[in-house]
Amino acid sequence: MLEGVKRLFEKKVGITAAQAIGYKEFKDFFEGTSSLEDVVTLIKKNSRKYAKRQLTWFRKLPNVRWVIIE
């Protein structure tokens, strides 16, 4: 993932792509102000927060049918 993100930053991708979870967290790493460990921790944190927002959104919709897969 690191190499893929590095290539995108080198190409100066659009604002939308650069704001995606898993990409934006690398900005400080490439600027030398953050470690790779910090980036991984931040990606995990932001992913959990996003998933929580999704669940909150879907719980409000009356026609959502939840399927439990075991």
C-alpha atoms as a PDB file:
ATOM      1  CA  MET A   1       0.000   0.000   0.000  1.00  0.00           C
ATOM      2  CA  LEU A   2       2.856   2.343   0.829  1.00  0.00           C
ATOM      3  CA  GLU A   3       4.225   2.238  -2.728  1.00  0.00           C
ATOM      4  CA  GLY A   4       0.790   2.794  -4.240  1.00  0.00           C
ATOM      5  CA  VAL A   5       0.096   5.805  -2.053  1.00  0.00           C
ATOM      6  CA  LYS A   6       3.567   7.172  -2.739  1.00  0.00           C
ATOM      7  CA  ARG A   7       2.947   7.017  -6.505  1.00  0.00           C
ATOM      8  CA  LEU A   8      -0.387   8.802  -6.109  1.00  0.00           C
ATOM      9  CA  PHE A   9       1.175  11.586  -4.047  1.00  0.00           C
ATOM     10  CA  GLU A  10       3.989  11.948  -6.587  1.00  0.00           C
ATOM     11  CA  LYS A  11       1.411  12.336  -9.379  1.00  0.00           C
ATOM     12  CA  LYS A  12      -0.462  14.903  -7.290  1.00  0.00           C
ATOM     13  CA  VAL A  13      -3.848  13.167  -7.582  1.00  0.00           C
ATOM     14  CA  GLY A  14      -7.097  15.068  -7.273  1.00  0.00           C
ATOM     15  CA  ILE A  15      -8.425  16.345  -3.996  1.00  0.00           C
ATOM     16  CA  THR A  16     -11.134  13.673  -3.767  1.00  0.00           C
ATOM     17  CA  ALA A  17      -8.707  10.762  -4.046  1.00  0.00           C
ATOM     18  CA  ALA A  18      -6.279  12.347  -1.613  1.00  0.00           C
ATOM     19  CA  GLN A  19      -9.027  12.598   1.034  1.00  0.00           C
ATOM     20  CA  ALA A  20      -9.884   8.889   1.009  1.00  0.00           C
ATOM     21  CA  ILE A  21      -9.194   6.906   4.169  1.00  0.00           C
ATOM     22  CA  GLY A  22      -5.879   5.168   3.773  1.00  0.00           C
ATOM     23  CA  TYR A  23      -4.394   7.911   1.623  1.00  0.00           C
ATOM     24  CA  LYS A  24      -4.768  11.170   3.511  1.00  0.00           C
ATOM     25  CA  GLU A  25      -3.106   9.695   6.586  1.00  0.00           C
ATOM     26  CA  PHE A  26       0.162   9.301   4.654  1.00  0.00           C
ATOM     27  CA  LYS A  27       0.611  13.041   4.041  1.00  0.00           C
ATOM     28  CA  ASP A  28       2.514  13.662   7.278  1.00  0.00           C
ATOM     29  CA  PHE A  29       4.558  10.504   6.735  1.00  0.00           C
ATOM     30  CA  PHE A  30       5.773  11.714   3.347  1.00  0.00           C
ATOM     31  CA  GLU A  31       6.511  15.131   4.845  1.00  0.00           C
ATOM     32  CA  GLY A  32       8.637  13.430   7.511  1.00  0.00           C
ATOM     33  CA  THR A  33       6.547  14.513  10.500  1.00  0.00           C
ATOM     34  CA  SER A  34       4.923  11.156  11.243  1.00  0.00           C
ATOM     35  CA  SER A  35       6.066   7.532  11.502  1.00  0.00           C
ATOM     36  CA  LEU A  36       4.652   4.618   9.543  1.00  0.00           C
ATOM     37  CA  GLU A  37       3.350   3.190  12.834  1.00  0.00           C
ATOM     38  CA  ASP A  38       1.443   6.443  13.456  1.00  0.00           C
ATOM     39  CA  VAL A  39      -0.024   6.241   9.953  1.00  0.00           C
ATOM     40  CA  VAL A  40      -1.260   2.684  10.492  1.00  0.00           C
ATOM     41  CA  THR A  41      -2.813   3.634  13.835  1.00  0.00           C
ATOM     42  CA  LEU A  42      -4.531   6.640  12.277  1.00  0.00           C
ATOM     43  CA  ILE A  43      -5.883   4.591   9.344  1.00  0.00           C
ATOM     44  CA  LYS A  44      -7.368   2.069  11.781  1.00  0.00           C
ATOM     45  CA  LYS A  45      -8.912   4.826  13.893  1.00  0.00           C
ATOM     46  CA  ASN A  46     -10.392   6.654  10.903  1.00  0.00           C
ATOM     47  CA  SER A  47     -11.734   3.400   9.434  1.00  0.00           C
ATOM     48  CA  ARG A  48     -13.543   2.584  12.680  1.00  0.00           C
ATOM     49  CA  LYS A  49     -15.010   6.097  12.872  1.00  0.00           C
ATOM     50  CA  TYR A  50     -16.221   5.851   9.262  1.00  0.00           C
ATOM     51  CA  ALA A  51     -17.816   2.444   9.865  1.00  0.00           C
ATOM     52  CA  LYS A  52     -19.594   3.831  12.941  1.00  0.00           C
ATOM     53  CA  ARG A  53     -20.965   6.761  10.902  1.00  0.00           C
ATOM     54  CA  GLN A  54     -22.202   4.321   8.249  1.00  0.00           C
ATOM     55  CA  LEU A  55     -23.999   2.202  10.844  1.00  0.00           C
ATOM     56  CA  THR A  56     -25.577   5.303  12.348  1.00  0.00           C
ATOM     57  CA  TRP A  57     -26.762   6.406   8.905  1.00  0.00           C
ATOM     58  CA  PHE A  58     -28.224   3.023   7.941  1.00  0.00           C
ATOM     59  CA  ARG A  59     -29.968   2.529  11.285  1.00  0.00           C
ATOM     60  CA  LYS A  60     -32.035   5.651  10.552  1.00  0.00           C
ATOM     61  CA  LEU A  61     -33.333   4.259   7.258  1.00  0.00           C
ATOM     62  CA  PRO A  62     -36.637   2.408   7.715  1.00  0.00           C
ATOM     63  CA  ASN A  63     -36.281   0.115   4.687  1.00  0.00           C
ATOM     64  CA  VAL A  64     -32.861  -1.303   5.469  1.00  0.00           C
ATOM     65  CA  ARG A  65     -32.916  -5.049   5.846  1.00  0.00           C
ATOM     66  CA  TRP A  66     -30.113  -6.340   8.009  1.00  0.00           C
ATOM     67  CA  VAL A  67     -28.641  -9.742   7.126  1.00  0.00           C
ATOM     68  CA  ILE A  68     -26.589 -11.588   9.714  1.00  0.00           C
ATOM     69  CA  ILE A  69     -23.872 -13.758   8.221  1.00  0.00           C
ATOM     70  CA  GLU A  70     -22.208 -16.263  10.503  1.00  0.00           C
END
